[in-house]
Every structure is written in structure tokens, then in C-alpha cells.
PDB file of all heavy atoms in Angstrom:
ATOM      1  N   PRO A   1       9.403   1.147  -9.230  1.00  0.00           N
ATOM      2  CA  PRO A   1       8.046   0.757  -8.850  1.00  0.00           C
ATOM      3  C   PRO A   1       7.620   1.421  -7.538  1.00  0.00           C
ATOM      4  O   PRO A   1       8.457   1.914  -6.767  1.00  0.00           O
ATOM      5  CB  PRO A   1       8.190  -0.749  -8.651  1.00  0.00           C
ATOM      6  CG  PRO A   1       9.585  -0.898  -8.149  1.00  0.00           C
ATOM      7  CD  PRO A   1      10.387   0.140  -8.895  1.00  0.00           C
ATOM      8  N   GLY A   2       6.337   1.400  -7.280  1.00  0.00           N
ATOM      9  CA  GLY A   2       5.822   1.799  -5.976  1.00  0.00           C
ATOM     10  C   GLY A   2       5.952   0.632  -5.008  1.00  0.00           C
ATOM     11  O   GLY A   2       6.305  -0.478  -5.403  1.00  0.00           O
ATOM     12  N   ASP A   3       5.671   0.894  -3.750  1.00  0.00           N
ATOM     13  CA  ASP A   3       5.718  -0.171  -2.759  1.00  0.00           C
ATOM     14  C   ASP A   3       4.658  -1.233  -3.052  1.00  0.00           C
ATOM     15  O   ASP A   3       3.544  -0.923  -3.479  1.00  0.00           O
ATOM     16  CB  ASP A   3       5.474   0.384  -1.353  1.00  0.00           C
ATOM     17  CG  ASP A   3       6.673   1.133  -0.790  1.00  0.00           C
ATOM     18  OD1 ASP A   3       7.739   1.139  -1.436  1.00  0.00           O
ATOM     19  OD2 ASP A   3       6.529   1.717   0.301  1.00  0.00           O
ATOM     20  N   ALA A   4       5.026  -2.474  -2.850  1.00  0.00           N
ATOM     21  CA  ALA A   4       4.116  -3.629  -2.909  1.00  0.00           C
ATOM     22  C   ALA A   4       4.511  -4.486  -1.711  1.00  0.00           C
ATOM     23  O   ALA A   4       5.442  -5.284  -1.787  1.00  0.00           O
ATOM     24  CB  ALA A   4       4.268  -4.379  -4.219  1.00  0.00           C
ATOM     25  N   SER A   5       3.841  -4.268  -0.591  1.00  0.00           N
ATOM     26  CA  SER A   5       4.277  -4.812   0.690  1.00  0.00           C
ATOM     27  C   SER A   5       3.923  -6.290   0.870  1.00  0.00           C
ATOM     28  O   SER A   5       3.057  -6.843   0.181  1.00  0.00           O
ATOM     29  CB  SER A   5       3.648  -4.014   1.834  1.00  0.00           C
ATOM     30  OG  SER A   5       2.267  -4.312   1.942  1.00  0.00           O
ATOM     31  N   ILE A   6       4.580  -6.877   1.841  1.00  0.00           N
ATOM     32  CA  ILE A   6       4.281  -8.254   2.229  1.00  0.00           C
ATOM     33  C   ILE A   6       2.839  -8.325   2.733  1.00  0.00           C
ATOM     34  O   ILE A   6       2.120  -9.281   2.443  1.00  0.00           O
ATOM     35  CB  ILE A   6       5.263  -8.734   3.320  1.00  0.00           C
ATOM     36  CG1 ILE A   6       6.680  -8.784   2.752  1.00  0.00           C
ATOM     37  CG2 ILE A   6       4.854 -10.087   3.879  1.00  0.00           C
ATOM     38  CD1 ILE A   6       7.741  -8.974   3.803  1.00  0.00           C
ATOM     39  N   GLU A   7       2.415  -7.312   3.461  1.00  0.00           N
ATOM     40  CA  GLU A   7       1.041  -7.301   3.973  1.00  0.00           C
ATOM     41  C   GLU A   7       0.029  -7.289   2.829  1.00  0.00           C
ATOM     42  O   GLU A   7      -0.980  -7.998   2.884  1.00  0.00           O
ATOM     43  CB  GLU A   7       0.834  -6.086   4.898  1.00  0.00           C
ATOM     44  CG  GLU A   7       1.627  -6.156   6.189  1.00  0.00           C
ATOM     45  CD  GLU A   7       3.122  -5.826   6.036  1.00  0.00           C
ATOM     46  OE1 GLU A   7       3.518  -5.179   5.030  1.00  0.00           O
ATOM     47  OE2 GLU A   7       3.895  -6.235   6.917  1.00  0.00           O
ATOM     48  N   ASP A   8       0.299  -6.500   1.784  1.00  0.00           N
ATOM     49  CA  ASP A   8      -0.575  -6.497   0.603  1.00  0.00           C
ATOM     50  C   ASP A   8      -0.606  -7.887  -0.038  1.00  0.00           C
ATOM     51  O   ASP A   8      -1.670  -8.392  -0.404  1.00  0.00           O
ATOM     52  CB  ASP A   8      -0.089  -5.485  -0.440  1.00  0.00           C
ATOM     53  CG  ASP A   8      -0.253  -4.044  -0.019  1.00  0.00           C
ATOM     54  OD1 ASP A   8      -1.052  -3.761   0.894  1.00  0.00           O
ATOM     55  OD2 ASP A   8       0.438  -3.184  -0.611  1.00  0.00           O
ATOM     56  N   LEU A   9       0.563  -8.483  -0.168  1.00  0.00           N
ATOM     57  CA  LEU A   9       0.669  -9.807  -0.774  1.00  0.00           C
ATOM     58  C   LEU A   9      -0.100 -10.841   0.043  1.00  0.00           C
ATOM     59  O   LEU A   9      -0.869 -11.635  -0.507  1.00  0.00           O
ATOM     60  CB  LEU A   9       2.140 -10.210  -0.893  1.00  0.00           C
ATOM     61  CG  LEU A   9       2.424 -11.601  -1.439  1.00  0.00           C
ATOM     62  CD1 LEU A   9       1.951 -11.728  -2.888  1.00  0.00           C
ATOM     63  CD2 LEU A   9       3.914 -11.911  -1.330  1.00  0.00           C
ATOM     64  N   GLN A  10       0.077 -10.825   1.345  1.00  0.00           N
ATOM     65  CA  GLN A  10      -0.601 -11.800   2.191  1.00  0.00           C
ATOM     66  C   GLN A  10      -2.119 -11.600   2.172  1.00  0.00           C
ATOM     67  O   GLN A  10      -2.876 -12.560   2.177  1.00  0.00           O
ATOM     68  CB  GLN A  10      -0.049 -11.743   3.614  1.00  0.00           C
ATOM     69  CG  GLN A  10       1.375 -12.282   3.673  1.00  0.00           C
ATOM     70  CD  GLN A  10       2.005 -12.148   5.035  1.00  0.00           C
ATOM     71  OE1 GLN A  10       1.916 -11.098   5.683  1.00  0.00           O
ATOM     72  NE2 GLN A  10       2.653 -13.213   5.481  1.00  0.00           N
ATOM     73  N   ARG A  11      -2.571 -10.353   2.120  1.00  0.00           N
ATOM     74  CA  ARG A  11      -4.012 -10.073   2.021  1.00  0.00           C
ATOM     75  C   ARG A  11      -4.565 -10.633   0.706  1.00  0.00           C
ATOM     76  O   ARG A  11      -5.615 -11.273   0.680  1.00  0.00           O
ATOM     77  CB  ARG A  11      -4.250  -8.564   2.134  1.00  0.00           C
ATOM     78  CG  ARG A  11      -5.699  -8.178   2.215  1.00  0.00           C
ATOM     79  CD  ARG A  11      -5.953  -6.703   2.570  1.00  0.00           C
ATOM     80  NE  ARG A  11      -5.001  -5.739   2.040  1.00  0.00           N
ATOM     81  CZ  ARG A  11      -4.046  -5.146   2.761  1.00  0.00           C
ATOM     82  NH1 ARG A  11      -3.884  -5.427   4.038  1.00  0.00           N
ATOM     83  NH2 ARG A  11      -3.253  -4.260   2.197  1.00  0.00           N
ATOM     84  N   LEU A  12      -3.841 -10.424  -0.374  1.00  0.00           N
ATOM     85  CA  LEU A  12      -4.251 -10.963  -1.669  1.00  0.00           C
ATOM     86  C   LEU A  12      -4.321 -12.488  -1.632  1.00  0.00           C
ATOM     87  O   LEU A  12      -5.292 -13.092  -2.076  1.00  0.00           O
ATOM     88  CB  LEU A  12      -3.284 -10.507  -2.764  1.00  0.00           C
ATOM     89  CG  LEU A  12      -3.496 -11.104  -4.146  1.00  0.00           C
ATOM     90  CD1 LEU A  12      -4.843 -10.671  -4.724  1.00  0.00           C
ATOM     91  CD2 LEU A  12      -2.353 -10.721  -5.064  1.00  0.00           C
ATOM     92  N   HIS A  13      -3.301 -13.112  -1.067  1.00  0.00           N
ATOM     93  CA  HIS A  13      -3.264 -14.575  -1.002  1.00  0.00           C
ATOM     94  C   HIS A  13      -4.380 -15.137  -0.129  1.00  0.00           C
ATOM     95  O   HIS A  13      -4.969 -16.177  -0.465  1.00  0.00           O
ATOM     96  CB  HIS A  13      -1.898 -15.051  -0.529  1.00  0.00           C
ATOM     97  CG  HIS A  13      -0.853 -14.918  -1.583  1.00  0.00           C
ATOM     98  ND1 HIS A  13       0.470 -15.141  -1.344  1.00  0.00           N
ATOM     99  CD2 HIS A  13      -0.937 -14.560  -2.898  1.00  0.00           C
ATOM    100  CE1 HIS A  13       1.158 -14.946  -2.466  1.00  0.00           C
ATOM    101  NE2 HIS A  13       0.317 -14.582  -3.412  1.00  0.00           N
ATOM    102  N   ARG A  14      -4.710 -14.458   0.964  1.00  0.00           N
ATOM    103  CA  ARG A  14      -5.843 -14.908   1.792  1.00  0.00           C
ATOM    104  C   ARG A  14      -7.139 -14.834   0.996  1.00  0.00           C
ATOM    105  O   ARG A  14      -7.955 -15.750   1.027  1.00  0.00           O
ATOM    106  CB  ARG A  14      -5.958 -14.069   3.065  1.00  0.00           C
ATOM    107  CG  ARG A  14      -5.010 -14.474   4.165  1.00  0.00           C
ATOM    108  CD  ARG A  14      -5.362 -13.797   5.487  1.00  0.00           C
ATOM    109  NE  ARG A  14      -5.400 -12.348   5.417  1.00  0.00           N
ATOM    110  CZ  ARG A  14      -4.332 -11.539   5.555  1.00  0.00           C
ATOM    111  NH1 ARG A  14      -3.129 -12.072   5.775  1.00  0.00           N
ATOM    112  NH2 ARG A  14      -4.458 -10.244   5.489  1.00  0.00           N
ATOM    113  N   THR A  15      -7.309 -13.746   0.261  1.00  0.00           N
ATOM    114  CA  THR A  15      -8.523 -13.561  -0.539  1.00  0.00           C
ATOM    115  C   THR A  15      -8.636 -14.628  -1.622  1.00  0.00           C
ATOM    116  O   THR A  15      -9.708 -15.161  -1.882  1.00  0.00           O
ATOM    117  CB  THR A  15      -8.537 -12.156  -1.179  1.00  0.00           C
ATOM    118  OG1 THR A  15      -8.520 -11.186  -0.134  1.00  0.00           O
ATOM    119  CG2 THR A  15      -9.763 -11.951  -2.046  1.00  0.00           C
ATOM    120  N   LEU A  16      -7.518 -14.952  -2.247  1.00  0.00           N
ATOM    121  CA  LEU A  16      -7.506 -15.933  -3.335  1.00  0.00           C
ATOM    122  C   LEU A  16      -7.422 -17.375  -2.842  1.00  0.00           C
ATOM    123  O   LEU A  16      -7.606 -18.304  -3.623  1.00  0.00           O
ATOM    124  CB  LEU A  16      -6.342 -15.652  -4.287  1.00  0.00           C
ATOM    125  CG  LEU A  16      -6.396 -14.324  -5.029  1.00  0.00           C
ATOM    126  CD1 LEU A  16      -5.127 -14.125  -5.850  1.00  0.00           C
ATOM    127  CD2 LEU A  16      -7.632 -14.241  -5.909  1.00  0.00           C
ATOM    128  N   GLY A  17      -7.109 -17.565  -1.572  1.00  0.00           N
ATOM    129  CA  GLY A  17      -6.984 -18.912  -1.028  1.00  0.00           C
ATOM    130  C   GLY A  17      -5.678 -19.593  -1.414  1.00  0.00           C
ATOM    131  O   GLY A  17      -5.632 -20.818  -1.549  1.00  0.00           O
ATOM    132  N   LEU A  18      -4.613 -18.819  -1.581  1.00  0.00           N
ATOM    133  CA  LEU A  18      -3.313 -19.382  -1.940  1.00  0.00           C
ATOM    134  C   LEU A  18      -2.515 -19.683  -0.676  1.00  0.00           C
ATOM    135  O   LEU A  18      -2.498 -18.886   0.259  1.00  0.00           O
ATOM    136  CB  LEU A  18      -2.539 -18.418  -2.839  1.00  0.00           C
ATOM    137  CG  LEU A  18      -3.215 -18.091  -4.167  1.00  0.00           C
ATOM    138  CD1 LEU A  18      -2.443 -17.013  -4.909  1.00  0.00           C
ATOM    139  CD2 LEU A  18      -3.371 -19.331  -5.012  1.00  0.00           C
ATOM    140  N   ASP A  19      -1.861 -20.840  -0.654  1.00  0.00           N
ATOM    141  CA  ASP A  19      -1.121 -21.278   0.531  1.00  0.00           C
ATOM    142  C   ASP A  19       0.381 -21.040   0.452  1.00  0.00           C
ATOM    143  O   ASP A  19       1.056 -20.976   1.478  1.00  0.00           O
ATOM    144  CB  ASP A  19      -1.340 -22.778   0.759  1.00  0.00           C
ATOM    145  CG  ASP A  19      -2.780 -23.109   1.069  1.00  0.00           C
ATOM    146  OD1 ASP A  19      -3.464 -22.280   1.714  1.00  0.00           O
ATOM    147  OD2 ASP A  19      -3.240 -24.200   0.661  1.00  0.00           O
ATOM    148  N   ARG A  20       0.924 -20.974  -0.767  1.00  0.00           N
ATOM    149  CA  ARG A  20       2.379 -20.893  -0.937  1.00  0.00           C
ATOM    150  C   ARG A  20       2.711 -19.799  -1.948  1.00  0.00           C
ATOM    151  O   ARG A  20       1.866 -19.387  -2.725  1.00  0.00           O
ATOM    152  CB  ARG A  20       2.925 -22.239  -1.414  1.00  0.00           C
ATOM    153  CG  ARG A  20       2.628 -23.375  -0.458  1.00  0.00           C
ATOM    154  CD  ARG A  20       3.073 -24.740  -0.963  1.00  0.00           C
ATOM    155  NE  ARG A  20       2.420 -25.085  -2.214  1.00  0.00           N
ATOM    156  CZ  ARG A  20       3.051 -25.589  -3.279  1.00  0.00           C
ATOM    157  NH1 ARG A  20       4.353 -25.819  -3.241  1.00  0.00           N
ATOM    158  NH2 ARG A  20       2.390 -25.873  -4.373  1.00  0.00           N
ATOM    159  N   VAL A  21       3.993 -19.392  -1.935  1.00  0.00           N
ATOM    160  CA  VAL A  21       4.405 -18.317  -2.826  1.00  0.00           C
ATOM    161  C   VAL A  21       5.877 -18.475  -3.209  1.00  0.00           C
ATOM    162  O   VAL A  21       6.680 -18.939  -2.405  1.00  0.00           O
ATOM    163  CB  VAL A  21       4.176 -16.927  -2.165  1.00  0.00           C
ATOM    164  CG1 VAL A  21       5.002 -16.753  -0.906  1.00  0.00           C
ATOM    165  CG2 VAL A  21       4.438 -15.793  -3.143  1.00  0.00           C
ATOM    166  N   VAL A  22       6.197 -18.077  -4.439  1.00  0.00           N
ATOM    167  CA  VAL A  22       7.575 -17.962  -4.896  1.00  0.00           C
ATOM    168  C   VAL A  22       7.816 -16.479  -5.185  1.00  0.00           C
ATOM    169  O   VAL A  22       7.207 -15.909  -6.083  1.00  0.00           O
ATOM    170  CB  VAL A  22       7.847 -18.808  -6.160  1.00  0.00           C
ATOM    171  CG1 VAL A  22       9.286 -18.598  -6.638  1.00  0.00           C
ATOM    172  CG2 VAL A  22       7.561 -20.275  -5.901  1.00  0.00           C
ATOM    173  N   ILE A  23       8.694 -15.886  -4.383  1.00  0.00           N
ATOM    174  CA  ILE A  23       9.034 -14.483  -4.554  1.00  0.00           C
ATOM    175  C   ILE A  23      10.251 -14.402  -5.457  1.00  0.00           C
ATOM    176  O   ILE A  23      11.311 -14.945  -5.142  1.00  0.00           O
ATOM    177  CB  ILE A  23       9.307 -13.811  -3.201  1.00  0.00           C
ATOM    178  CG1 ILE A  23       8.054 -13.901  -2.321  1.00  0.00           C
ATOM    179  CG2 ILE A  23       9.743 -12.361  -3.397  1.00  0.00           C
ATOM    180  CD1 ILE A  23       8.252 -13.422  -0.900  1.00  0.00           C
ATOM    181  N   VAL A  24      10.080 -13.741  -6.589  1.00  0.00           N
ATOM    182  CA  VAL A  24      11.157 -13.588  -7.570  1.00  0.00           C
ATOM    183  C   VAL A  24      11.766 -12.202  -7.385  1.00  0.00           C
ATOM    184  O   VAL A  24      11.057 -11.194  -7.399  1.00  0.00           O
ATOM    185  CB  VAL A  24      10.617 -13.768  -9.007  1.00  0.00           C
ATOM    186  CG1 VAL A  24      11.717 -13.550 -10.024  1.00  0.00           C
ATOM    187  CG2 VAL A  24       9.975 -15.144  -9.162  1.00  0.00           C
TER     188      VAL A  24
END
């Protein structure tokens, strides 16, 4: 895969209004 950074993930979660995450 290509990079999928924590910063990308956190930006997505802020946009979606998500508070928690399960990283698999």
C-alpha cells in the first residue's frame, strides 16, 4: 500500500466528527 498517515486519519476524523478509533 501507499502511505496512510496518522495525520491523514486525524484530519478525516475531525471532518467526520469521530471521537474514537480502532486501528487494525
